[in-house]
């Protein structure tokens, strides 16, 4: 296996991880889209990862926070 094969394999791995993470964010955005602002703020402070990014995105779209 050459250097370029390793680079290609690494890039594919990163791409797959990005797609999975982005899918999770979109899933949580759909799940939380009907939550009240205050509930989202509390969740934001007690979560991390894809959930936190989804909540921040919703709050930003609503004009609640600037990121």
C-alpha atoms as a PDB file:
ATOM      1  CA  UNK A   1       0.000   0.000   0.000  1.00  0.00           C
ATOM      2  CA  UNK A   2       1.489   3.287  -1.088  1.00  0.00           C
ATOM      3  CA  UNK A   3       1.307   6.726   0.397  1.00  0.00           C
ATOM      4  CA  UNK A   4      -1.477   7.842  -1.938  1.00  0.00           C
ATOM      5  CA  UNK A   5      -3.565   4.810  -1.004  1.00  0.00           C
ATOM      6  CA  UNK A   6      -3.231   5.742   2.668  1.00  0.00           C
ATOM      7  CA  UNK A   7      -4.159   9.346   1.949  1.00  0.00           C
ATOM      8  CA  UNK A   8      -7.198   8.263  -0.057  1.00  0.00           C
ATOM      9  CA  UNK A   9      -8.298   5.843   2.653  1.00  0.00           C
ATOM     10  CA  UNK A  10      -7.914   8.552   5.305  1.00  0.00           C
ATOM     11  CA  UNK A  11      -9.907  11.050   3.262  1.00  0.00           C
ATOM     12  CA  UNK A  12     -12.712   8.539   2.759  1.00  0.00           C
ATOM     13  CA  UNK A  13     -12.767   7.814   6.500  1.00  0.00           C
ATOM     14  CA  UNK A  14     -13.014  11.515   7.357  1.00  0.00           C
ATOM     15  CA  UNK A  15     -15.730  12.017   4.734  1.00  0.00           C
ATOM     16  CA  UNK A  16     -17.785   9.163   6.147  1.00  0.00           C
ATOM     17  CA  UNK A  17     -17.468  10.516   9.696  1.00  0.00           C
ATOM     18  CA  UNK A  18     -18.539  13.984   8.512  1.00  0.00           C
ATOM     19  CA  UNK A  19     -21.605  12.572   6.745  1.00  0.00           C
ATOM     20  CA  UNK A  20     -22.606  10.605   9.848  1.00  0.00           C
ATOM     21  CA  UNK A  21     -22.150  13.630  12.128  1.00  0.00           C
ATOM     22  CA  UNK A  22     -24.050  15.898   9.753  1.00  0.00           C
ATOM     23  CA  UNK A  23     -26.872  13.342   9.626  1.00  0.00           C
ATOM     24  CA  UNK A  24     -27.043  13.330  13.421  1.00  0.00           C
ATOM     25  CA  UNK A  25     -27.195  17.128  13.543  1.00  0.00           C
ATOM     26  CA  UNK A  26     -30.056  17.172  11.036  1.00  0.00           C
ATOM     27  CA  UNK A  27     -31.894  14.457  12.976  1.00  0.00           C
ATOM     28  CA  UNK A  28     -31.672  16.472  16.194  1.00  0.00           C
ATOM     29  CA  UNK A  29     -32.673  19.693  14.431  1.00  0.00           C
ATOM     30  CA  UNK A  30     -35.852  17.993  13.227  1.00  0.00           C
ATOM     31  CA  UNK A  31     -36.472  16.560  16.695  1.00  0.00           C
ATOM     32  CA  UNK A  32     -35.956  19.866  18.530  1.00  0.00           C
ATOM     33  CA  UNK A  33     -37.485  22.244  15.992  1.00  0.00           C
ATOM     34  CA  UNK A  34     -40.789  22.547  17.885  1.00  0.00           C
ATOM     35  CA  UNK A  35     -39.245  23.076  21.313  1.00  0.00           C
ATOM     36  CA  UNK A  36     -39.655  26.416  23.058  1.00  0.00           C
ATOM     37  CA  UNK A  37     -36.634  28.715  23.196  1.00  0.00           C
ATOM     38  CA  UNK A  38     -36.198  28.403  26.954  1.00  0.00           C
ATOM     39  CA  UNK A  39     -36.267  24.620  26.790  1.00  0.00           C
ATOM     40  CA  UNK A  40     -33.657  24.675  24.030  1.00  0.00           C
ATOM     41  CA  UNK A  41     -31.430  26.977  26.081  1.00  0.00           C
ATOM     42  CA  UNK A  42     -31.555  24.578  29.036  1.00  0.00           C
ATOM     43  CA  UNK A  43     -30.791  21.620  26.774  1.00  0.00           C
ATOM     44  CA  UNK A  44     -27.922  23.533  25.168  1.00  0.00           C
ATOM     45  CA  UNK A  45     -26.276  24.008  28.553  1.00  0.00           C
ATOM     46  CA  UNK A  46     -26.561  20.331  29.461  1.00  0.00           C
ATOM     47  CA  UNK A  47     -25.531  18.579  26.246  1.00  0.00           C
ATOM     48  CA  UNK A  48     -22.650  18.296  23.810  1.00  0.00           C
ATOM     49  CA  UNK A  49     -21.710  17.124  20.332  1.00  0.00           C
ATOM     50  CA  UNK A  50     -24.261  16.911  17.544  1.00  0.00           C
ATOM     51  CA  UNK A  51     -27.135  17.805  19.869  1.00  0.00           C
ATOM     52  CA  UNK A  52     -25.447  21.009  20.982  1.00  0.00           C
ATOM     53  CA  UNK A  53     -24.699  22.037  17.403  1.00  0.00           C
ATOM     54  CA  UNK A  54     -28.287  21.317  16.347  1.00  0.00           C
ATOM     55  CA  UNK A  55     -29.709  23.376  19.212  1.00  0.00           C
ATOM     56  CA  UNK A  56     -27.316  26.246  18.506  1.00  0.00           C
ATOM     57  CA  UNK A  57     -28.342  26.186  14.867  1.00  0.00           C
ATOM     58  CA  UNK A  58     -32.045  26.354  15.742  1.00  0.00           C
ATOM     59  CA  UNK A  59     -31.485  29.215  18.182  1.00  0.00           C
ATOM     60  CA  UNK A  60     -29.397  31.067  15.611  1.00  0.00           C
ATOM     61  CA  UNK A  61     -32.113  30.648  12.953  1.00  0.00           C
ATOM     62  CA  UNK A  62     -34.611  32.091  15.431  1.00  0.00           C
ATOM     63  CA  UNK A  63     -32.329  35.067  16.093  1.00  0.00           C
ATOM     64  CA  UNK A  64     -31.837  34.097  19.739  1.00  0.00           C
ATOM     65  CA  UNK A  65     -28.057  33.699  19.678  1.00  0.00           C
ATOM     66  CA  UNK A  66     -25.242  34.863  17.452  1.00  0.00           C
ATOM     67  CA  UNK A  67     -22.603  32.319  16.674  1.00  0.00           C
END
